[in-house]
Amino acid sequence: MAYRIGNIPADAPDWLVAELRKIQEAQSSTAGITFDVLYVEPKKKFTGLTVFADGTSWKPNGVGAAGVWTYYGGTWNRLG
């Protein structure tokens, strides 16, 4: 679900309104999910955590493959 600006008080600062509009525009212009490339393993792991590993600096499970990985079952599992 994309972010949509709700009712903004009339006395809200202009900078705040501008930032909320930027957030709304950024989310509405994305056709899918995007991930930042991670070069090191996250310090906090939990079941369902999904990331994009660079596959060079950080190789989940020792596999040198860049791609999307999800943490479950106590290990990283490559999605693609």
Protein backbone atom coordinates (compact mmCIF):
# COMPACT_ATOMS: atom_id res chain seq x y z
CA MET A 1 0.00 0.00 0.00
CA ALA A 2 1.46 3.33 -1.03
CA TYR A 3 1.62 6.27 1.33
CA ARG A 4 -1.06 8.89 0.88
CA ILE A 5 -1.05 12.27 2.59
CA GLY A 6 -3.91 12.60 5.04
CA ASN A 7 -5.46 15.75 6.44
CA ILE A 8 -2.71 18.28 7.08
CA PRO A 9 -3.40 21.06 9.58
CA ALA A 10 -3.53 24.51 7.99
CA ASP A 11 -0.69 25.66 10.24
CA ALA A 12 1.66 22.81 9.22
CA PRO A 13 5.08 24.11 8.16
CA ASP A 14 5.69 24.29 4.41
CA TRP A 15 8.81 22.11 4.70
CA LEU A 16 6.77 19.33 6.30
CA VAL A 17 4.09 19.43 3.61
CA ALA A 18 6.81 19.36 0.93
CA GLU A 19 8.48 16.32 2.51
CA LEU A 20 5.17 14.46 2.79
CA ARG A 21 4.52 15.14 -0.89
CA LYS A 22 7.99 13.80 -1.79
CA ILE A 23 7.25 10.59 0.12
CA GLN A 24 3.89 10.20 -1.60
CA GLU A 25 5.39 10.78 -5.06
CA ALA A 26 8.29 8.40 -4.45
CA GLN A 27 6.01 5.58 -3.40
CA SER A 28 3.47 6.09 -6.13
CA SER A 29 6.13 6.08 -8.87
CA THR A 30 7.58 2.70 -7.88
CA ALA A 31 6.13 -0.23 -9.78
CA GLY A 32 7.67 -2.85 -7.49
CA ILE A 33 9.76 -3.41 -4.42
CA THR A 34 13.29 -2.05 -4.49
CA PHE A 35 16.15 -3.03 -2.19
CA ASP A 36 19.33 -1.21 -1.29
CA VAL A 37 22.37 -3.38 -2.00
CA LEU A 38 23.94 -4.59 1.26
CA TYR A 39 27.67 -5.19 1.45
CA VAL A 40 27.68 -6.67 4.97
CA GLU A 41 25.26 -8.97 6.77
CA PRO A 42 22.67 -7.12 8.89
CA LYS A 43 23.49 -7.24 12.61
CA LYS A 44 19.87 -7.99 13.54
CA LYS A 45 18.39 -10.96 11.71
CA PHE A 46 14.83 -12.23 12.07
CA THR A 47 12.62 -14.66 10.21
CA GLY A 48 11.27 -13.00 7.09
CA LEU A 49 14.04 -10.39 6.75
CA THR A 50 14.56 -9.95 3.00
CA VAL A 51 17.60 -8.14 1.59
CA PHE A 52 19.70 -7.80 -1.56
CA ALA A 53 23.27 -9.02 -1.00
CA ASP A 54 26.06 -7.83 -3.28
CA GLY A 55 27.53 -11.35 -3.45
CA THR A 56 31.11 -10.10 -3.32
CA SER A 57 31.74 -8.28 -0.04
CA TRP A 58 28.95 -10.21 1.67
CA LYS A 59 28.30 -13.75 0.55
CA PRO A 60 25.32 -15.20 2.44
CA ASN A 61 26.05 -18.81 3.44
CA GLY A 62 29.41 -18.48 1.65
CA VAL A 63 27.69 -18.37 -1.74
CA GLY A 64 29.17 -15.69 -4.02
CA ALA A 65 25.90 -14.82 -5.68
CA ALA A 66 24.35 -11.38 -5.77
CA GLY A 67 20.61 -11.43 -5.32
CA VAL A 68 17.64 -11.33 -3.02
CA TRP A 69 17.94 -13.41 0.14
CA THR A 70 15.42 -14.10 2.91
CA TYR A 71 16.35 -15.22 6.40
CA TYR A 72 14.35 -18.16 7.77
CA GLY A 73 15.08 -21.54 9.34
CA GLY A 74 18.21 -20.06 10.91
CA THR A 75 19.89 -19.45 7.55
CA TRP A 76 19.83 -17.22 4.47
CA ASN A 77 17.83 -18.59 1.54
CA ARG A 78 18.36 -17.22 -1.99
CA LEU A 79 15.26 -16.07 -3.83
CA GLY A 80 16.95 -14.96 -7.01
